[in-house]
N, C-alpha and C. Protein backbone atom coordinates (compact mmCIF):
# COMPACT_ATOMS: atom_id res chain seq x y z
N LYS A 1 5.20 45.32 -78.52
CA LYS A 1 5.58 46.16 -77.20
C LYS A 1 7.04 45.92 -76.64
N ARG A 2 7.94 45.94 -77.48
CA ARG A 2 9.64 45.97 -77.04
C ARG A 2 9.68 47.00 -75.89
N GLU A 3 10.45 46.51 -74.80
CA GLU A 3 10.62 47.55 -73.90
C GLU A 3 11.98 48.46 -74.41
N PRO A 4 12.05 49.67 -73.91
CA PRO A 4 13.42 50.55 -74.40
C PRO A 4 14.76 49.82 -74.01
N THR A 5 14.63 48.56 -73.16
CA THR A 5 15.68 48.05 -72.87
C THR A 5 16.13 46.90 -73.98
N GLY A 6 15.41 46.80 -74.99
CA GLY A 6 15.45 45.60 -75.77
C GLY A 6 14.95 44.22 -75.43
N LEU A 7 14.26 44.15 -74.14
CA LEU A 7 13.64 43.14 -73.62
C LEU A 7 12.19 42.77 -74.16
N TYR A 8 11.84 41.41 -74.45
CA TYR A 8 10.56 41.03 -74.60
C TYR A 8 9.76 40.54 -73.36
N SER A 9 8.55 40.73 -73.04
CA SER A 9 7.79 39.96 -72.02
C SER A 9 6.81 38.98 -72.63
N ARG A 10 6.95 37.72 -72.39
CA ARG A 10 6.10 36.72 -72.93
C ARG A 10 5.30 36.01 -71.93
N TRP A 11 4.25 35.32 -72.26
CA TRP A 11 3.66 34.74 -71.29
C TRP A 11 3.07 33.50 -71.75
N ARG A 12 3.19 32.49 -70.91
CA ARG A 12 2.48 30.98 -71.32
C ARG A 12 1.85 30.40 -70.11
N ALA A 13 0.73 29.85 -70.73
CA ALA A 13 0.00 29.12 -69.50
C ALA A 13 -0.41 27.58 -69.91
N GLY A 14 -0.68 26.64 -69.04
CA GLY A 14 -1.33 25.43 -69.29
C GLY A 14 -2.77 25.50 -69.46
N TYR A 15 -3.45 26.61 -69.28
CA TYR A 15 -4.75 26.72 -69.32
C TYR A 15 -5.27 26.89 -70.84
N PRO A 16 -6.66 26.55 -71.02
CA PRO A 16 -7.06 26.81 -72.27
C PRO A 16 -7.12 28.24 -72.63
N ARG A 17 -7.07 28.51 -73.85
CA ARG A 17 -6.77 29.84 -74.51
C ARG A 17 -8.04 30.90 -73.76
N ALA A 18 -9.38 30.62 -74.09
CA ALA A 18 -10.18 31.22 -73.37
C ALA A 18 -10.02 31.66 -71.76
N LEU A 19 -9.70 30.75 -70.94
CA LEU A 19 -9.40 31.08 -69.62
C LEU A 19 -7.89 31.89 -69.41
N ALA A 20 -7.09 31.74 -70.41
CA ALA A 20 -5.75 32.61 -70.37
C ALA A 20 -5.99 33.94 -70.62
N ASP A 21 -6.92 34.19 -71.73
CA ASP A 21 -7.21 35.64 -72.22
C ASP A 21 -7.79 36.45 -71.09
N LYS A 22 -8.67 35.58 -70.34
CA LYS A 22 -9.38 36.13 -69.11
C LYS A 22 -8.56 36.47 -68.20
N LEU A 23 -7.56 35.92 -67.71
CA LEU A 23 -6.52 35.92 -66.93
C LEU A 23 -5.76 37.22 -67.32
N ILE A 24 -5.30 37.41 -68.53
CA ILE A 24 -4.62 38.42 -69.10
C ILE A 24 -5.33 39.52 -69.03
N GLU A 25 -6.54 39.63 -69.24
CA GLU A 25 -7.46 40.97 -69.13
C GLU A 25 -7.43 41.13 -67.56
N LYS A 26 -7.94 40.14 -66.61
CA LYS A 26 -8.28 40.39 -65.47
C LYS A 26 -6.79 41.03 -64.46
N LEU A 27 -5.91 40.51 -64.98
CA LEU A 27 -4.52 40.90 -64.27
C LEU A 27 -3.83 42.19 -64.86
N SER A 28 -4.61 42.59 -66.09
CA SER A 28 -4.30 43.82 -66.75
C SER A 28 -2.57 43.73 -66.97
N LEU A 29 -2.63 42.52 -67.70
CA LEU A 29 -1.27 42.07 -68.44
C LEU A 29 -1.07 42.64 -69.97
N SER A 30 -1.82 42.81 -70.58
CA SER A 30 -2.00 43.20 -72.02
C SER A 30 -1.03 44.31 -72.11
N PRO A 31 -0.74 45.36 -71.61
CA PRO A 31 0.25 46.25 -71.96
C PRO A 31 1.41 45.92 -71.54
N HIS A 32 1.88 44.96 -70.96
CA HIS A 32 2.75 44.48 -70.26
C HIS A 32 3.70 43.07 -71.05
N ILE A 33 2.88 42.48 -72.26
CA ILE A 33 3.22 41.34 -72.55
C ILE A 33 3.01 41.55 -74.15
N ASP A 34 4.32 40.78 -74.78
CA ASP A 34 4.28 40.89 -76.29
C ASP A 34 3.56 39.76 -77.20
N ASP A 35 3.53 38.80 -76.31
CA ASP A 35 2.93 37.54 -76.91
C ASP A 35 2.55 36.56 -75.78
N SER A 36 1.81 35.74 -76.16
CA SER A 36 1.11 34.71 -75.19
C SER A 36 0.93 33.33 -75.97
N VAL A 37 1.16 32.16 -75.22
CA VAL A 37 0.85 30.76 -75.70
C VAL A 37 0.33 30.09 -74.71
N VAL A 38 -0.69 29.06 -74.97
CA VAL A 38 -1.15 28.04 -74.17
C VAL A 38 -0.69 26.70 -74.76
N ALA A 39 -0.69 25.77 -73.71
CA ALA A 39 -0.11 24.42 -74.04
C ALA A 39 -0.77 23.98 -75.38
N GLU A 40 -2.33 24.01 -75.44
CA GLU A 40 -2.57 23.41 -76.50
C GLU A 40 -2.25 23.91 -77.81
N GLU A 41 -2.10 24.93 -77.88
CA GLU A 41 -1.31 25.81 -79.10
C GLU A 41 0.19 25.17 -79.50
N ALA A 42 0.96 24.85 -78.46
CA ALA A 42 2.27 24.31 -78.58
C ALA A 42 2.50 22.92 -78.68
N GLY A 43 1.36 22.01 -78.33
CA GLY A 43 1.84 20.74 -78.58
C GLY A 43 2.17 20.05 -77.11
N GLY A 44 1.97 20.82 -76.10
CA GLY A 44 2.39 20.19 -74.63
C GLY A 44 2.64 21.26 -73.68
N GLY A 45 2.29 20.72 -72.52
CA GLY A 45 2.60 22.00 -71.22
C GLY A 45 3.99 21.29 -70.55
N ARG A 46 3.98 22.32 -69.26
CA ARG A 46 5.12 21.77 -68.63
C ARG A 46 5.32 20.55 -68.12
N PRO A 47 6.41 19.96 -67.86
CA PRO A 47 7.78 20.50 -67.99
C PRO A 47 8.41 20.41 -69.58
N GLN A 48 7.73 19.84 -70.39
CA GLN A 48 8.17 20.05 -71.83
C GLN A 48 8.33 21.42 -72.12
N PRO A 49 9.27 21.80 -73.10
CA PRO A 49 9.64 22.89 -73.36
C PRO A 49 8.87 23.38 -74.62
N HIS A 50 7.81 22.87 -75.00
CA HIS A 50 7.29 23.31 -75.95
C HIS A 50 6.55 24.78 -76.23
N MET A 51 5.93 25.15 -75.13
CA MET A 51 5.50 26.58 -75.01
C MET A 51 6.66 27.49 -75.36
N LEU A 52 7.77 27.28 -74.27
CA LEU A 52 8.76 28.17 -74.66
C LEU A 52 9.33 28.28 -75.92
N HIS A 53 9.42 27.09 -76.60
CA HIS A 53 9.94 27.00 -77.89
C HIS A 53 9.35 27.80 -78.70
N LEU A 54 7.86 27.67 -78.82
CA LEU A 54 7.00 28.31 -79.65
C LEU A 54 7.25 29.88 -79.58
N LEU A 55 7.26 30.22 -78.31
CA LEU A 55 7.60 31.78 -77.85
C LEU A 55 8.91 32.25 -78.54
N MET A 56 10.03 31.35 -78.16
CA MET A 56 11.16 31.76 -78.83
C MET A 56 11.40 31.85 -80.22
N GLU A 57 10.43 30.79 -80.95
CA GLU A 57 10.47 30.86 -82.54
C GLU A 57 10.04 31.97 -83.00
N ARG A 58 8.62 32.58 -82.26
CA ARG A 58 7.94 33.73 -82.52
C ARG A 58 8.80 34.97 -82.21
N ALA A 59 9.73 34.93 -81.44
CA ALA A 59 10.45 36.27 -81.16
C ALA A 59 11.65 35.99 -82.21
N GLY A 60 11.89 34.92 -82.79
CA GLY A 60 13.08 34.80 -83.73
C GLY A 60 14.40 34.71 -82.99
N ILE A 61 14.15 33.86 -81.74
CA ILE A 61 15.35 33.31 -80.97
C ILE A 61 15.31 31.62 -81.37
N ALA A 62 16.72 31.34 -81.93
CA ALA A 62 16.72 29.90 -82.35
C ALA A 62 16.67 29.24 -80.99
N ARG A 63 16.74 27.99 -80.86
CA ARG A 63 16.49 26.86 -79.83
C ARG A 63 18.14 27.27 -79.40
N GLU A 64 19.03 26.97 -80.02
CA GLU A 64 20.31 27.19 -79.95
C GLU A 64 20.77 28.38 -79.20
N GLU A 65 19.87 29.47 -79.06
CA GLU A 65 20.35 30.73 -78.59
C GLU A 65 19.33 30.92 -77.23
N GLY A 66 18.97 29.83 -76.50
CA GLY A 66 18.33 29.84 -75.39
C GLY A 66 19.00 30.47 -74.26
N ALA A 67 20.29 30.58 -74.34
CA ALA A 67 20.81 30.97 -73.35
C ALA A 67 20.50 32.43 -72.93
N CYS A 68 20.08 33.49 -73.94
CA CYS A 68 19.76 34.50 -73.95
C CYS A 68 18.20 34.43 -73.34
N VAL A 69 17.58 33.47 -73.17
CA VAL A 69 16.12 33.40 -72.38
C VAL A 69 16.15 33.48 -70.92
N LEU A 70 15.29 34.20 -70.33
CA LEU A 70 15.00 34.08 -68.98
C LEU A 70 13.42 33.70 -68.68
N LYS A 71 13.37 32.52 -67.91
CA LYS A 71 12.03 31.88 -67.74
C LYS A 71 12.02 32.15 -66.08
N CYS A 72 10.81 32.74 -65.66
CA CYS A 72 10.42 32.93 -64.27
C CYS A 72 9.12 32.14 -63.69
N GLY A 73 9.37 31.35 -62.91
CA GLY A 73 8.02 30.89 -62.18
C GLY A 73 8.01 30.53 -60.92
N ASP A 74 7.05 29.92 -60.50
CA ASP A 74 6.99 29.58 -58.86
C ASP A 74 6.73 28.13 -58.60
N THR A 75 6.97 27.18 -59.61
CA THR A 75 6.71 25.85 -59.48
C THR A 75 7.74 25.30 -59.99
N VAL A 76 8.27 23.71 -59.33
CA VAL A 76 9.31 22.84 -59.84
C VAL A 76 9.00 22.63 -61.45
N ARG A 77 7.82 22.50 -61.75
CA ARG A 77 7.54 22.24 -63.28
C ARG A 77 8.17 23.63 -63.87
N ASP A 78 7.69 24.87 -63.31
CA ASP A 78 8.32 25.98 -64.25
C ASP A 78 9.90 25.66 -64.44
N MET A 79 10.45 25.48 -63.41
CA MET A 79 12.28 25.25 -63.45
C MET A 79 12.21 24.34 -64.16
N GLU A 80 11.86 23.28 -64.30
CA GLU A 80 12.10 22.11 -65.23
C GLU A 80 11.82 22.50 -66.76
N GLU A 81 10.66 23.23 -67.05
CA GLU A 81 10.51 23.77 -68.32
C GLU A 81 11.30 24.46 -68.47
N GLY A 82 11.98 25.46 -67.77
CA GLY A 82 12.91 26.36 -68.24
C GLY A 82 14.16 25.69 -68.73
N CYS A 83 14.83 24.51 -67.90
CA CYS A 83 15.84 23.79 -68.01
C CYS A 83 15.70 23.07 -69.42
N ASN A 84 14.45 22.33 -69.51
CA ASN A 84 14.42 21.55 -70.68
C ASN A 84 14.47 22.59 -71.93
N ALA A 85 13.88 23.55 -71.94
CA ALA A 85 14.03 24.76 -73.01
C ALA A 85 15.39 25.25 -73.23
N GLY A 86 16.29 25.00 -72.45
CA GLY A 86 17.57 25.57 -72.69
C GLY A 86 17.54 26.87 -72.20
N CYS A 87 17.00 27.47 -71.54
CA CYS A 87 16.76 28.87 -70.91
C CYS A 87 18.00 29.09 -70.07
N GLY A 88 18.99 30.35 -70.67
CA GLY A 88 20.14 30.44 -69.70
C GLY A 88 19.87 31.01 -68.31
N PHE A 89 18.71 31.68 -68.20
CA PHE A 89 18.25 32.21 -66.50
C PHE A 89 16.87 31.51 -66.21
N VAL A 90 17.06 30.51 -65.55
CA VAL A 90 15.57 30.01 -64.86
C VAL A 90 15.59 30.47 -63.58
N ILE A 91 14.65 31.40 -63.07
CA ILE A 91 14.57 32.12 -62.25
C ILE A 91 13.21 31.81 -61.29
N GLY A 92 13.63 31.09 -60.05
CA GLY A 92 12.38 30.81 -59.21
C GLY A 92 11.79 31.87 -58.35
N VAL A 93 10.56 32.03 -58.11
CA VAL A 93 10.14 33.05 -56.97
C VAL A 93 9.38 32.14 -55.82
N THR A 94 9.72 32.83 -54.69
CA THR A 94 9.02 31.84 -53.67
C THR A 94 7.68 32.33 -53.21
N SER A 95 7.28 33.23 -53.73
CA SER A 95 5.83 34.07 -53.42
C SER A 95 4.62 33.00 -54.00
N GLY A 96 5.09 32.11 -54.53
CA GLY A 96 3.81 31.16 -55.26
C GLY A 96 4.00 29.82 -54.46
N ALA A 97 3.83 28.88 -55.40
CA ALA A 97 3.73 27.53 -54.80
C ALA A 97 4.87 26.68 -54.11
N ASP A 98 6.04 26.78 -54.85
CA ASP A 98 7.26 25.87 -54.00
C ASP A 98 8.13 26.53 -53.22
N SER A 99 8.91 26.02 -52.63
CA SER A 99 9.78 26.57 -51.67
C SER A 99 11.21 27.11 -52.41
N GLU A 100 12.25 27.61 -51.83
CA GLU A 100 13.47 27.83 -52.30
C GLU A 100 14.24 26.47 -52.80
N ALA A 101 14.23 25.94 -51.61
CA ALA A 101 15.07 24.43 -51.63
C ALA A 101 14.57 23.72 -52.84
N ALA A 102 13.22 23.35 -52.98
CA ALA A 102 12.52 22.97 -54.13
C ALA A 102 12.95 23.27 -55.51
N LEU A 103 12.53 24.86 -55.76
CA LEU A 103 13.05 25.41 -56.70
C LEU A 103 14.56 25.13 -57.20
N LYS A 104 15.34 25.31 -56.20
CA LYS A 104 16.75 25.04 -56.64
C LYS A 104 17.23 23.62 -57.06
N ALA A 105 16.67 23.00 -56.39
CA ALA A 105 16.73 21.10 -56.51
C ALA A 105 16.32 21.06 -58.13
N ALA A 106 15.13 21.89 -58.41
CA ALA A 106 14.70 21.55 -59.85
C ALA A 106 15.30 22.38 -61.02
N GLY A 107 16.43 23.00 -60.66
CA GLY A 107 17.22 23.68 -61.67
C GLY A 107 17.36 25.19 -61.53
N ALA A 108 16.80 25.80 -60.70
CA ALA A 108 16.70 27.16 -60.70
C ALA A 108 17.94 27.70 -60.77
N THR A 109 18.22 28.67 -61.55
CA THR A 109 19.66 29.34 -61.35
C THR A 109 19.75 30.50 -60.36
N ALA A 110 18.57 31.05 -59.94
CA ALA A 110 18.56 31.80 -58.81
C ALA A 110 17.10 31.80 -58.31
N VAL A 111 16.92 32.24 -57.17
CA VAL A 111 15.85 32.11 -56.42
C VAL A 111 15.45 33.38 -55.71
N LEU A 112 14.07 34.22 -56.21
CA LEU A 112 13.99 35.61 -55.54
C LEU A 112 12.72 35.39 -54.68
N PRO A 113 12.35 36.40 -53.87
CA PRO A 113 11.28 36.39 -53.01
C PRO A 113 9.84 36.70 -53.93
N SER A 114 10.10 37.29 -55.03
CA SER A 114 8.65 37.60 -55.78
C SER A 114 9.65 38.23 -57.40
N ILE A 115 8.39 38.15 -58.22
CA ILE A 115 8.69 38.59 -59.43
C ILE A 115 9.06 40.01 -59.44
N ALA A 116 8.54 40.83 -58.46
CA ALA A 116 8.75 42.23 -58.20
C ALA A 116 10.36 42.36 -57.92
N ALA A 117 11.00 41.65 -57.47
CA ALA A 117 12.33 41.52 -57.18
C ALA A 117 13.19 41.62 -58.56
N LEU A 118 12.72 40.94 -59.59
CA LEU A 118 13.20 40.94 -60.95
C LEU A 118 13.17 42.17 -61.49
N ILE A 119 12.10 42.78 -61.43
CA ILE A 119 11.84 44.23 -61.82
C ILE A 119 12.84 45.04 -61.50
């Protein structure tokens, strides 16, 4: 489901696959994401980069090309994961778990009030 802009939307979760699939369905995310991965499929969860690296690989993005990847999340662990994966854009959102100061301290390149501000 490549967007007209040439962007892909991918989703990753530390939950088991069955729960992740239920969340994707419950939140009506299927039309908006191209791929998803869970920690057990990637060999580890946050803050390790394994889930992001697997999604990058599936999209044909080499790890050395991580500067073109945007990682968005609401926790310190999300920011650490994006930094560890070499993402060029690590965006924190304050509508979730952690504060702006905590997200910035964990490596966020920018902090927004919500994911909606990114769209």
